[in-house]
Amino acid sequence: MRPLALALCAAPLWALAACGSTADVPPVTADASPPGDTSEPSDASRDASVDVARDAVTDAPPDAPPRVSVTWSPCPLRSEGDGPEAECATVAVPLDRARPAGPTIDVRVKRYHPEGGRSLRALWMLQGGPGASGYVFEGLSEAMGARFPDVDYYIPDHRGTGASTRLGCAAQEADASEAGFAITEAEWPACLDALRARWGADLAHFNVTNAANDLGLLIEATRREGQRVIVLGVSYGTYLAHRYVQLFPRQADGVVFDSIAPPGSNLFEQDADAHEAARDFFRACGADRVCASKLGADPWAVATSLFERLRAGHCAGIAVAAAPTHVLLRRAFGQMLMDPSLRGYVPAIVYRANRCETRDVGALRVFMRAITTEQPPNENLRQWSFALSQHIVLSEFAPTPAPTRDALAAIREGAVASRDVTDGLSVNLGRWPVYTPDAYAAQWADSDVPMLFLQGGLDPATLLRKARAMRPHFTRAHQTWVEVPTATHTVFASSPFTDENGESRSCGTRLLMRFAEDPAAPVDTACVAQVRPINFALPNTDITRALLGGADAWE
């Protein structure tokens, strides 16, 4: 039997929030070009950029291999074969950075140079997971390039994913296998045997430090004279970016961390974290006039009470065979809280399920079909590596001692919102050939490179209170911490505001691109106070009809 596939989202673990149409071209991601963005940099800034670029090539660790060879070939920007023309390169990098002359693996990187752009800056974009390729940045770079043509967008596939010597199990991921592309618990032993047979002890080299070394080598080999280099990490990409700064503390001109996973993060707390974030989200609902008019002064109490009633059989008319109603709703809510276009519907669904009148049952049946209709894996998921995800998470993001499967199941069962991340991780506890994290995993980077930290206050995957562990370690000049209270996972895609021209823009993107223009300039955070509140009135009738079959989400 194939496992349930929630149609709302296919972004596992710590990945950039990429659900539905928002994955490729989020409507508020591209910001109006800031003053000076399309002009040549000043002589002073040009000189400073060149100096950093020249220093960068000598800043690699002493045991770094010689400069890698990068040969570009034309390719479509989108993996599906369409979109504007880009360039692709498959680069041989050391399997193990400690053996620079030893075996190599392939790492693929894609470069998008917007038409008419002048390549003043290079933006390297690191996706999350761990396990994700750079796929989601293909559409995003096209959208951003329309506003910021003078930026070259670099999209690497993390080693072990996509076209970068992907770790996979052909038999267990075959369409005709038990779960199709997904790997079931029964299939994991055979998959692991195949990985051991192919890689043996070298499997340990698919780790965070070697992936960070890959990035440094690629930047060193591709940097153009006078071009500023900015590294953007999102979610797990921030963890990777931090490791990169440990290895190459002066190579980049600036580093941006969006949705922060600090050293010491524990992915086995993901489901508990989502439940905590749901509580904070319902508090925001209680402070909103529309939402509070439906759910009262304490919406969280209504939500938790509803789940107790659902476990006891409440609203049986919306039940489906796939799984108990409370399980389906908590998984859907866990995913929806990651998506700025969908999260506002969570309280409305609680309201209608709690009331459960005939009109509500009809609407909720539409919703249950929407979240349980099986869909084939898209290109984004096919480039994902379940094996790499298990490998890095169980090696670097698991607590000691490991939690029991029963304890993790109890956390999920009590949650109002959970993507049930720990269900997929716990299947290999105790049997995966984990690697021992190196010393970098327990250390903080020591660098005076300019940094910008972006963190959402309603992020269910990287909680604000946990992300703040990063803040006291980076307080030097031009290292700026920014919190956006209403943003969810991925600030630059969930911080809409109306700019000085009356146009809808993204505050996170404005901060990112102005920082990229001049990382040593003061960060103007004025747009944070202008970020629009969550619209619980849910005016998008197209989404409402798709989810609930009518134009009014609440009634």
Protein backbone atom coordinates (compact mmCIF):
# COMPACT_ATOMS: atom_id res chain seq x y z
CA MET A 1 0.00 0.00 0.00
CA ARG A 2 1.30 3.45 -0.86
CA PRO A 3 1.59 5.83 2.09
CA LEU A 4 -0.56 8.89 2.33
CA ALA A 5 0.73 11.74 0.17
CA LEU A 6 -0.47 15.14 1.33
CA ALA A 7 -1.17 17.07 -1.83
CA LEU A 8 -0.66 20.43 -0.16
CA CYS A 9 3.12 20.36 0.02
CA ALA A 10 6.14 18.25 -0.78
CA ALA A 11 8.83 20.07 1.18
CA PRO A 12 10.24 17.65 3.74
CA LEU A 13 12.23 18.51 6.85
CA TRP A 14 13.99 21.87 6.88
CA ALA A 15 13.38 22.90 3.30
CA LEU A 16 12.47 26.29 1.93
CA ALA A 17 8.72 26.57 2.32
CA ALA A 18 7.71 25.43 -1.15
CA CYS A 19 4.05 24.53 -1.39
CA GLY A 20 1.92 24.73 -4.49
CA SER A 21 2.44 27.60 -6.89
CA THR A 22 4.34 29.64 -4.32
CA ALA A 23 7.37 27.39 -4.76
CA ASP A 24 8.39 28.83 -8.09
CA VAL A 25 7.26 32.44 -8.19
CA PRO A 26 6.05 33.79 -4.86
CA PRO A 27 3.99 36.91 -5.59
CA VAL A 28 5.89 39.20 -3.22
CA THR A 29 9.43 37.85 -3.50
CA ALA A 30 10.76 40.40 -6.00
CA ASP A 31 11.31 43.83 -4.48
CA ALA A 32 11.57 47.11 -6.31
CA SER A 33 15.18 47.85 -7.11
CA PRO A 34 16.64 49.98 -4.31
CA PRO A 35 18.26 53.28 -5.17
CA GLY A 36 21.53 52.61 -6.94
CA ASP A 37 20.82 48.94 -7.55
CA THR A 38 21.21 49.24 -11.31
CA SER A 39 24.12 51.64 -11.22
CA GLU A 40 27.82 50.88 -11.15
CA PRO A 41 29.30 50.56 -7.66
CA SER A 42 31.33 53.47 -6.40
CA ASP A 43 35.10 53.42 -6.82
CA ALA A 44 35.51 52.75 -3.11
CA SER A 45 33.12 49.83 -3.06
CA ARG A 46 34.61 48.43 -6.29
CA ASP A 47 38.09 48.54 -4.83
CA ALA A 48 36.98 46.90 -1.59
CA SER A 49 35.24 44.13 -3.49
CA VAL A 50 38.32 43.41 -5.60
CA ASP A 51 40.52 43.27 -2.49
CA VAL A 52 38.26 40.72 -0.83
CA ALA A 53 38.13 38.68 -4.02
CA ARG A 54 41.91 38.55 -4.23
CA ASP A 55 42.20 37.58 -0.57
CA ALA A 56 39.60 34.85 -0.91
CA VAL A 57 41.70 32.47 -2.94
CA THR A 58 44.28 32.24 -0.17
CA ASP A 59 41.75 31.93 2.63
CA ALA A 60 40.95 28.24 2.19
CA PRO A 61 42.18 25.75 4.77
CA PRO A 62 45.85 24.64 4.41
CA ASP A 63 44.82 21.21 3.17
CA ALA A 64 42.45 22.55 0.52
CA PRO A 65 42.91 21.06 -2.96
CA PRO A 66 44.04 23.14 -5.91
CA ARG A 67 41.49 25.24 -7.75
CA VAL A 68 38.81 23.01 -9.29
CA SER A 69 37.99 23.18 -12.98
CA VAL A 70 34.59 24.57 -13.99
CA THR A 71 33.40 24.36 -17.59
CA TRP A 72 30.03 25.92 -18.34
CA SER A 73 27.59 24.65 -20.95
CA PRO A 74 24.22 26.13 -21.98
CA CYS A 75 21.19 24.57 -20.27
CA PRO A 76 17.60 25.57 -19.49
CA LEU A 77 17.11 27.25 -16.14
CA ARG A 78 14.32 24.87 -15.17
CA SER A 79 14.98 21.20 -14.67
CA GLU A 80 11.86 20.39 -16.68
CA GLY A 81 13.64 21.78 -19.73
CA ASP A 82 11.95 25.16 -20.08
CA GLY A 83 12.53 28.69 -18.87
CA PRO A 84 15.28 31.10 -19.91
CA GLU A 85 18.73 29.91 -20.82
CA ALA A 86 21.21 29.31 -18.02
CA GLU A 87 24.60 27.63 -17.74
CA CYS A 88 25.38 24.32 -16.08
CA ALA A 89 28.63 22.79 -14.92
CA THR A 90 29.40 19.39 -13.46
CA VAL A 91 32.51 19.75 -11.34
CA ALA A 92 34.75 17.03 -9.94
CA VAL A 93 35.40 17.73 -6.25
CA PRO A 94 37.27 15.66 -3.66
CA LEU A 95 35.10 13.03 -2.04
CA ASP A 96 37.00 13.80 1.16
CA ARG A 97 38.52 17.26 1.67
CA ALA A 98 41.27 15.66 3.78
CA ARG A 99 42.42 13.75 0.67
CA PRO A 100 42.55 16.43 -2.02
CA ALA A 101 44.25 14.11 -4.51
CA GLY A 102 41.96 11.18 -3.72
CA PRO A 103 38.67 10.03 -5.30
CA THR A 104 36.23 12.63 -6.59
CA ILE A 105 32.48 12.95 -6.93
CA ASP A 106 30.43 15.21 -9.17
CA VAL A 107 28.78 18.40 -7.95
CA ARG A 108 26.45 20.19 -10.33
CA VAL A 109 25.94 23.95 -10.24
CA LYS A 110 23.64 26.07 -12.36
CA ARG A 111 24.26 29.77 -13.10
CA TYR A 112 21.54 32.16 -14.25
CA HIS A 113 22.65 35.46 -15.75
CA PRO A 114 19.53 37.59 -16.40
CA GLU A 115 19.38 39.10 -19.85
CA GLY A 116 20.95 42.54 -19.86
CA GLY A 117 22.49 42.10 -16.41
CA ARG A 118 26.00 43.27 -15.59
CA SER A 119 27.08 40.59 -13.09
CA LEU A 120 27.88 43.08 -10.35
CA ARG A 121 27.07 40.51 -7.67
CA ALA A 122 26.95 36.74 -7.36
CA LEU A 123 24.27 35.19 -5.13
CA TRP A 124 24.89 31.59 -4.10
CA MET A 125 21.64 29.99 -2.88
CA LEU A 126 21.69 27.04 -0.50
CA GLN A 127 18.47 25.08 -0.05
CA GLY A 128 17.41 23.19 3.05
CA GLY A 129 16.61 19.65 3.99
CA PRO A 130 19.09 18.17 4.47
CA GLY A 131 18.31 16.23 1.33
CA ALA A 132 17.09 18.94 -1.04
CA SER A 133 18.72 19.91 -4.31
CA GLY A 134 18.76 23.50 -5.55
CA TYR A 135 15.61 22.94 -7.63
CA VAL A 136 13.34 25.40 -5.84
CA PHE A 137 15.72 28.27 -6.60
CA GLU A 138 15.31 27.84 -10.35
CA GLY A 139 11.94 29.59 -10.47
CA LEU A 140 12.88 31.95 -7.67
CA SER A 141 16.00 33.16 -9.46
CA GLU A 142 13.98 33.88 -12.59
CA ALA A 143 11.48 35.93 -10.58
CA MET A 144 14.20 37.77 -8.68
CA GLY A 145 16.25 38.29 -11.82
CA ALA A 146 13.40 40.28 -13.34
CA ARG A 147 13.92 42.88 -10.60
CA PHE A 148 17.61 42.39 -10.03
CA PRO A 149 19.25 41.68 -13.40
CA ASP A 150 22.72 42.71 -12.26
CA VAL A 151 22.97 39.63 -10.03
CA ASP A 152 24.30 36.27 -11.21
CA TYR A 153 22.31 33.52 -9.48
CA TYR A 154 24.23 30.37 -8.59
CA ILE A 155 22.23 27.24 -7.77
CA PRO A 156 24.32 24.30 -6.52
CA ASP A 157 22.94 20.84 -5.84
CA HIS A 158 24.20 19.74 -2.42
CA ARG A 159 26.43 16.67 -2.72
CA GLY A 160 24.24 13.58 -2.69
CA THR A 161 21.20 15.31 -4.21
CA GLY A 162 19.89 16.20 -7.65
CA ALA A 163 22.66 15.92 -10.24
CA SER A 164 25.45 15.94 -7.61
CA THR A 165 26.25 12.21 -7.30
CA ARG A 166 22.84 11.65 -5.77
CA LEU A 167 22.54 9.08 -3.00
CA GLY A 168 19.62 6.92 -3.98
CA CYS A 169 18.25 3.40 -4.05
CA ALA A 170 17.04 2.61 -7.56
CA ALA A 171 15.01 -0.47 -6.68
CA GLN A 172 13.29 1.03 -3.65
CA GLU A 173 12.58 4.35 -5.42
CA ALA A 174 11.23 2.77 -8.59
CA ASP A 175 7.69 3.63 -9.60
CA ALA A 176 6.69 -0.02 -9.30
CA SER A 177 8.10 -0.41 -5.78
CA GLU A 178 5.97 -0.57 -2.64
CA ALA A 179 5.57 3.21 -2.23
CA GLY A 180 6.78 4.41 -5.60
CA PHE A 181 9.47 7.05 -5.18
CA ALA A 182 9.10 7.12 -1.39
CA ILE A 183 10.95 4.52 0.67
CA THR A 184 8.93 2.56 3.19
CA GLU A 185 10.15 1.15 6.47
CA ALA A 186 10.14 -2.34 4.95
CA GLU A 187 12.30 -1.12 2.04
CA TRP A 188 14.95 0.69 4.07
CA PRO A 189 17.09 -2.37 4.97
CA ALA A 190 17.57 -3.27 1.30
CA CYS A 191 18.21 0.37 0.43
CA LEU A 192 20.83 0.61 3.14
CA ASP A 193 22.46 -2.60 1.93
CA ALA A 194 22.69 -1.09 -1.56
CA LEU A 195 24.28 2.09 -0.22
CA ARG A 196 26.82 0.11 1.79
CA ALA A 197 27.68 -2.02 -1.24
CA ARG A 198 28.19 1.06 -3.41
CA TRP A 199 30.04 3.33 -0.97
CA GLY A 200 31.29 1.32 2.00
CA ALA A 201 33.16 3.55 4.45
CA ASP A 202 33.13 6.40 1.92
CA LEU A 203 29.46 7.00 2.73
CA ALA A 204 30.75 8.98 5.72
CA HIS A 205 32.14 11.62 3.36
CA PHE A 206 28.66 12.75 2.38
CA ASN A 207 28.68 15.12 5.31
CA VAL A 208 28.16 18.80 6.06
CA THR A 209 31.83 19.77 6.21
CA ASN A 210 32.63 18.27 2.82
CA ALA A 211 29.54 19.92 1.35
CA ALA A 212 30.71 23.27 2.73
CA ASN A 213 34.13 22.65 1.23
CA ASP A 214 32.46 22.01 -2.14
CA LEU A 215 30.86 25.44 -1.92
CA GLY A 216 34.12 27.18 -1.13
CA LEU A 217 35.90 25.50 -4.03
CA LEU A 218 33.12 26.43 -6.45
CA ILE A 219 33.07 30.06 -5.35
CA GLU A 220 36.84 30.27 -5.61
CA ALA A 221 36.80 28.85 -9.14
CA THR A 222 33.93 30.96 -10.50
CA ARG A 223 34.34 34.36 -8.90
CA ARG A 224 34.75 37.22 -11.34
CA GLU A 225 37.14 40.03 -10.58
CA GLY A 226 35.38 42.92 -8.87
CA GLN A 227 32.20 40.91 -8.30
CA ARG A 228 30.74 40.76 -4.80
CA VAL A 229 29.86 37.27 -3.61
CA ILE A 230 26.90 36.76 -1.30
CA VAL A 231 25.97 33.37 0.15
CA LEU A 232 22.31 32.84 1.06
CA GLY A 233 21.35 29.87 3.22
CA VAL A 234 17.73 28.95 3.88
CA SER A 235 16.74 26.57 6.68
CA TYR A 236 19.28 23.69 6.74
CA GLY A 237 21.07 25.88 4.21
CA THR A 238 21.87 28.22 7.14
CA TYR A 239 23.54 25.33 8.98
CA LEU A 240 25.56 24.61 5.84
CA ALA A 241 26.37 28.32 5.39
CA HIS A 242 27.66 28.48 8.96
CA ARG A 243 29.95 25.50 8.29
CA TYR A 244 31.10 27.22 5.11
CA VAL A 245 32.06 30.33 7.11
CA GLN A 246 34.02 28.09 9.49
CA LEU A 247 36.06 26.75 6.57
CA PHE A 248 36.25 29.98 4.53
CA PRO A 249 35.87 32.81 7.06
CA ARG A 250 36.85 35.60 4.65
CA GLN A 251 35.93 34.33 1.20
CA ALA A 252 32.44 35.77 0.79
CA ASP A 253 31.61 39.47 0.90
CA GLY A 254 28.48 38.70 2.88
CA VAL A 255 26.40 35.80 4.19
CA VAL A 256 22.63 35.79 4.69
CA PHE A 257 20.94 33.32 7.03
CA ASP A 258 17.17 32.97 6.50
CA SER A 259 15.20 30.69 8.87
CA ILE A 260 18.05 29.73 11.10
CA ALA A 261 19.17 26.24 12.16
CA PRO A 262 22.00 26.91 14.63
CA PRO A 263 24.70 24.43 15.63
CA GLY A 264 23.32 21.89 18.06
CA SER A 265 19.89 21.77 16.41
CA ASN A 266 17.85 18.63 17.08
CA LEU A 267 15.59 17.52 14.24
CA PHE A 268 13.90 14.97 16.46
CA GLU A 269 12.15 17.91 18.09
CA GLN A 270 10.55 19.00 14.80
CA ASP A 271 7.06 17.73 15.60
CA ALA A 272 7.08 19.22 19.09
CA ASP A 273 8.34 22.47 17.59
CA ALA A 274 5.48 22.54 15.08
CA HIS A 275 2.97 22.10 17.89
CA GLU A 276 4.58 24.99 19.78
CA ALA A 277 4.49 27.18 16.67
CA ALA A 278 0.82 26.32 16.19
CA ARG A 279 0.12 27.63 19.69
CA ASP A 280 1.84 30.91 18.82
CA PHE A 281 -0.09 31.10 15.56
CA PHE A 282 -3.43 30.67 17.32
CA ARG A 283 -2.42 33.42 19.74
CA ALA A 284 -2.00 35.66 16.69
CA CYS A 285 -5.47 34.54 15.63
CA GLY A 286 -6.84 35.59 19.02
CA ALA A 287 -5.36 39.06 18.58
CA ASP A 288 -7.04 39.46 15.17
CA ARG A 289 -10.55 40.90 14.99
CA VAL A 290 -11.83 38.54 12.32
CA CYS A 291 -10.27 35.38 13.74
CA ALA A 292 -11.26 36.14 17.33
CA SER A 293 -14.84 36.82 16.25
CA LYS A 294 -15.01 33.20 15.12
CA LEU A 295 -12.88 31.37 17.70
CA GLY A 296 -13.17 33.67 20.68
CA ALA A 297 -10.53 35.05 23.01
CA ASP A 298 -8.65 31.75 23.32
CA PRO A 299 -8.49 30.07 19.90
CA TRP A 300 -5.75 27.71 21.10
CA ALA A 301 -8.12 26.22 23.67
CA VAL A 302 -10.68 25.68 20.90
CA ALA A 303 -8.09 23.96 18.72
CA THR A 304 -6.78 21.63 21.43
CA SER A 305 -10.31 20.78 22.51
CA LEU A 306 -11.25 20.01 18.91
CA PHE A 307 -8.42 17.52 18.58
CA GLU A 308 -9.49 15.76 21.77
CA ARG A 309 -13.00 15.49 20.36
CA LEU A 310 -11.74 14.28 16.97
CA ARG A 311 -9.82 11.49 18.68
CA ALA A 312 -13.12 10.48 20.28
CA GLY A 313 -14.94 10.39 16.93
CA HIS A 314 -16.30 13.93 16.60
CA CYS A 315 -17.50 15.01 13.13
CA ALA A 316 -17.54 11.48 11.72
CA GLY A 317 -19.02 12.77 8.47
CA ILE A 318 -15.62 14.02 7.27
CA ALA A 319 -13.69 10.84 8.06
CA VAL A 320 -11.86 9.10 5.21
CA ALA A 321 -10.21 5.71 4.99
CA ALA A 322 -6.67 7.00 4.60
CA ALA A 323 -6.08 7.78 8.29
CA PRO A 324 -7.90 9.09 11.38
CA THR A 325 -9.23 12.61 10.94
CA HIS A 326 -7.07 14.13 13.69
CA VAL A 327 -3.94 12.66 12.09
CA LEU A 328 -4.80 14.04 8.66
CA LEU A 329 -5.59 17.47 10.04
CA ARG A 330 -2.44 17.73 12.16
CA ARG A 331 -0.30 16.78 9.15
CA ALA A 332 -2.11 19.26 6.94
CA PHE A 333 -1.83 21.99 9.56
CA GLY A 334 1.88 21.28 9.99
CA GLN A 335 2.41 21.84 6.29
CA MET A 336 0.04 24.79 5.98
CA LEU A 337 1.79 26.72 8.75
CA MET A 338 4.91 26.65 6.56
CA ASP A 339 3.11 28.37 3.69
CA PRO A 340 2.11 32.04 3.91
CA SER A 341 -0.71 31.56 1.40
CA LEU A 342 -2.29 28.62 3.24
CA ARG A 343 -1.69 29.11 6.98
CA GLY A 344 -4.59 31.54 7.43
CA TYR A 345 -6.99 28.71 6.61
CA VAL A 346 -5.98 26.66 9.64
CA PRO A 347 -8.23 28.52 12.13
CA ALA A 348 -11.12 28.48 9.65
CA ILE A 349 -10.87 24.72 9.32
CA VAL A 350 -10.75 24.38 13.12
CA TYR A 351 -13.84 26.58 13.36
CA ARG A 352 -15.80 24.56 10.84
CA ALA A 353 -14.71 21.16 12.14
CA ASN A 354 -15.59 22.23 15.66
CA ARG A 355 -19.08 23.34 14.57
CA CYS A 356 -19.51 20.45 12.13
CA GLU A 357 -22.88 21.44 10.74
CA THR A 358 -24.11 20.08 7.42
CA ARG A 359 -22.63 23.03 5.50
CA ASP A 360 -19.30 22.50 7.26
CA VAL A 361 -19.20 18.79 6.53
CA GLY A 362 -19.62 19.47 2.82
CA ALA A 363 -16.79 22.00 2.78
CA LEU A 364 -14.49 19.84 4.90
CA ARG A 365 -15.04 16.83 2.66
CA VAL A 366 -13.60 18.94 -0.17
CA PHE A 367 -10.63 19.72 2.05
CA MET A 368 -10.09 16.09 3.00
CA ARG A 369 -10.04 15.12 -0.66
CA ALA A 370 -7.54 17.89 -1.36
CA ILE A 371 -5.09 16.62 1.25
CA THR A 372 -5.43 12.91 0.55
CA THR A 373 -5.54 12.77 -3.25
CA GLU A 374 -2.37 10.98 -4.25
CA GLN A 375 -0.18 12.83 -6.70
CA PRO A 376 2.91 11.65 -8.56
CA PRO A 377 6.23 12.99 -7.31
CA ASN A 378 7.22 16.24 -8.95
CA GLU A 379 10.70 17.15 -10.13
CA ASN A 380 11.53 18.83 -6.84
CA LEU A 381 10.87 15.63 -4.92
CA ARG A 382 12.63 13.41 -7.45
CA GLN A 383 15.82 15.41 -6.92
CA TRP A 384 15.48 15.03 -3.17
CA SER A 385 17.63 12.34 -1.52
CA PHE A 386 15.94 10.39 1.26
CA ALA A 387 19.22 8.61 1.88
CA LEU A 388 21.27 11.78 2.31
CA SER A 389 18.59 13.19 4.57
CA GLN A 390 18.71 10.16 6.84
CA HIS A 391 22.50 10.14 6.74
CA ILE A 392 23.07 13.74 7.84
CA VAL A 393 20.14 13.98 10.25
CA LEU A 394 21.01 10.78 12.11
CA SER A 395 24.68 11.81 12.23
CA GLU A 396 24.49 15.51 13.11
CA PHE A 397 20.93 16.34 14.21
CA ALA A 398 20.02 13.44 16.50
CA PRO A 399 20.20 13.68 20.31
CA THR A 400 22.12 11.31 22.55
CA PRO A 401 20.56 9.17 23.80
CA ALA A 402 18.15 8.85 20.93
CA PRO A 403 14.44 9.08 21.77
CA THR A 404 12.33 5.95 21.59
CA ARG A 405 9.89 5.51 18.76
CA ASP A 406 7.03 5.30 21.26
CA ALA A 407 8.01 8.63 22.80
CA LEU A 408 8.13 10.28 19.39
CA ALA A 409 4.78 8.76 18.44
CA ALA A 410 3.23 10.12 21.65
CA ILE A 411 4.44 13.64 20.78
CA ARG A 412 2.89 13.41 17.33
CA GLU A 413 -0.37 12.01 18.70
CA GLY A 414 -0.75 14.97 21.05
CA ALA A 415 0.04 17.62 18.45
CA VAL A 416 -2.35 20.03 16.77
CA ALA A 417 0.14 20.62 13.95
CA SER A 418 2.93 18.31 12.89
CA ARG A 419 4.42 17.23 9.58
CA ASP A 420 5.23 13.94 11.33
CA VAL A 421 8.90 14.40 10.51
CA THR A 422 10.03 12.08 13.30
CA ASP A 423 7.96 9.21 11.92
CA GLY A 424 10.22 9.09 8.87
CA LEU A 425 13.42 9.57 10.86
CA SER A 426 12.86 7.02 13.59
CA VAL A 427 12.71 4.03 11.21
CA ASN A 428 16.50 3.93 10.94
CA LEU A 429 17.46 4.76 14.50
CA GLY A 430 20.16 2.38 15.69
CA ARG A 431 20.89 0.77 12.32
CA TRP A 432 22.15 3.60 10.11
CA PRO A 433 25.96 3.77 9.66
CA VAL A 434 26.25 7.27 11.09
CA TYR A 435 29.44 9.28 10.80
CA THR A 436 31.01 11.02 13.78
CA PRO A 437 30.62 14.78 13.40
CA ASP A 438 33.92 16.62 13.28
CA ALA A 439 34.94 19.39 15.68
CA TYR A 440 33.22 22.05 13.59
CA ALA A 441 29.80 20.72 14.60
CA ALA A 442 30.30 21.86 18.19
CA GLN A 443 31.96 25.18 17.43
CA TRP A 444 30.87 28.63 16.32
CA ALA A 445 32.38 30.35 13.32
CA ASP A 446 34.85 33.15 13.99
CA SER A 447 34.52 35.63 11.18
CA ASP A 448 34.14 39.36 10.70
CA VAL A 449 32.45 38.95 7.31
CA PRO A 450 29.21 40.99 7.09
CA MET A 451 26.17 38.86 7.91
CA LEU A 452 22.41 39.31 7.79
CA PHE A 453 20.17 37.09 9.90
CA LEU A 454 16.46 36.86 8.99
CA GLN A 455 14.12 34.96 11.29
CA GLY A 456 10.35 34.64 11.34
CA GLY A 457 8.40 34.77 14.56
CA LEU A 458 5.87 32.15 13.42
CA ASP A 459 8.27 29.66 11.84
CA PRO A 460 7.25 26.07 12.71
CA ALA A 461 10.45 24.46 11.38
CA THR A 462 13.10 26.74 12.90
CA LEU A 463 11.57 28.22 16.04
CA LEU A 464 12.46 31.81 16.86
CA ARG A 465 13.47 31.00 20.44
CA LYS A 466 15.89 28.33 19.20
CA ALA A 467 17.23 30.42 16.33
CA ARG A 468 18.17 33.13 18.82
CA ALA A 469 21.00 30.89 20.05
CA MET A 470 22.91 32.15 17.02
CA ARG A 471 22.55 35.84 17.81
CA PRO A 472 25.13 36.42 20.59
CA HIS A 473 27.90 34.78 18.55
CA PHE A 474 27.77 37.27 15.67
CA THR A 475 27.79 40.81 16.96
CA ARG A 476 30.65 42.38 15.02
CA ALA A 477 30.32 45.32 12.70
CA HIS A 478 27.87 44.73 9.83
CA GLN A 479 26.46 41.54 11.41
CA THR A 480 22.75 42.33 11.73
CA TRP A 481 19.93 40.35 13.32
CA VAL A 482 16.38 40.95 12.03
CA GLU A 483 13.19 39.33 13.35
CA VAL A 484 9.94 39.57 11.41
CA PRO A 485 7.20 38.67 13.93
CA THR A 486 4.58 37.37 11.49
CA ALA A 487 6.90 35.61 9.00
CA THR A 488 6.86 31.85 8.67
CA HIS A 489 9.58 29.56 7.30
CA THR A 490 11.63 31.53 4.72
CA VAL A 491 11.35 35.21 5.57
CA PHE A 492 11.96 36.50 2.06
CA ALA A 493 8.82 34.64 0.89
CA SER A 494 6.55 35.49 3.84
CA SER A 495 7.04 39.17 4.65
CA PRO A 496 4.78 41.19 2.32
CA PHE A 497 4.57 44.95 2.63
CA THR A 498 3.42 47.83 0.47
CA ASP A 499 6.36 49.92 -0.70
CA GLU A 500 6.67 53.65 -1.20
CA ASN A 501 5.20 53.29 -4.69
CA GLY A 502 2.12 51.44 -3.45
CA GLU A 503 3.31 48.08 -4.83
CA SER A 504 3.32 44.76 -2.98
CA ARG A 505 6.88 43.69 -2.21
CA SER A 506 8.76 41.40 0.15
CA CYS A 507 10.53 42.98 3.10
CA GLY A 508 12.85 39.98 3.39
CA THR A 509 13.84 40.26 -0.25
CA ARG A 510 14.43 43.99 0.11
CA LEU A 511 16.74 43.38 3.06
CA LEU A 512 18.53 40.57 1.22
CA MET A 513 19.16 42.49 -1.99
CA ARG A 514 20.16 45.75 -0.36
CA PHE A 515 22.58 43.83 1.80
CA ALA A 516 23.92 42.19 -1.36
CA GLU A 517 24.43 45.60 -2.92
CA ASP A 518 26.59 46.79 -0.03
CA PRO A 519 27.10 44.36 2.88
CA ALA A 520 29.05 46.99 4.86
CA ALA A 521 26.22 49.55 4.76
CA PRO A 522 23.78 49.94 7.67
CA VAL A 523 20.75 47.69 7.21
CA ASP A 524 17.56 49.72 6.84
CA THR A 525 14.92 47.60 8.55
CA ALA A 526 12.06 50.08 8.20
CA CYS A 527 10.02 47.64 6.11
CA VAL A 528 9.77 45.20 9.04
CA ALA A 529 7.29 47.47 10.79
CA GLN A 530 5.32 47.72 7.53
CA VAL A 531 4.90 43.97 6.97
CA ARG A 532 1.20 43.31 6.51
CA PRO A 533 -0.54 41.27 9.21
CA ILE A 534 -1.93 37.85 8.43
CA ASN A 535 -5.24 38.30 6.64
CA PHE A 536 -7.60 35.94 8.41
CA ALA A 537 -10.48 37.21 6.27
CA LEU A 538 -9.06 34.94 3.54
CA PRO A 539 -10.04 37.03 0.50
CA ASN A 540 -8.41 34.75 -2.11
CA THR A 541 -11.50 33.01 -3.46
CA ASP A 542 -9.51 30.79 -5.84
CA ILE A 543 -7.61 29.17 -2.97
CA THR A 544 -10.76 29.04 -0.85
CA ARG A 545 -12.72 27.21 -3.54
CA ALA A 546 -9.87 24.77 -4.10
CA LEU A 547 -9.65 23.94 -0.40
CA LEU A 548 -13.25 24.18 0.75
CA GLY A 549 -15.44 24.27 -2.33
CA GLY A 550 -16.88 27.75 -1.77
CA ALA A 551 -15.98 31.43 -1.69
CA ASP A 552 -16.26 31.91 2.09
CA ALA A 553 -13.74 29.94 4.13
CA TRP A 554 -15.47 30.58 7.43
CA GLU A 555 -19.11 30.14 6.51
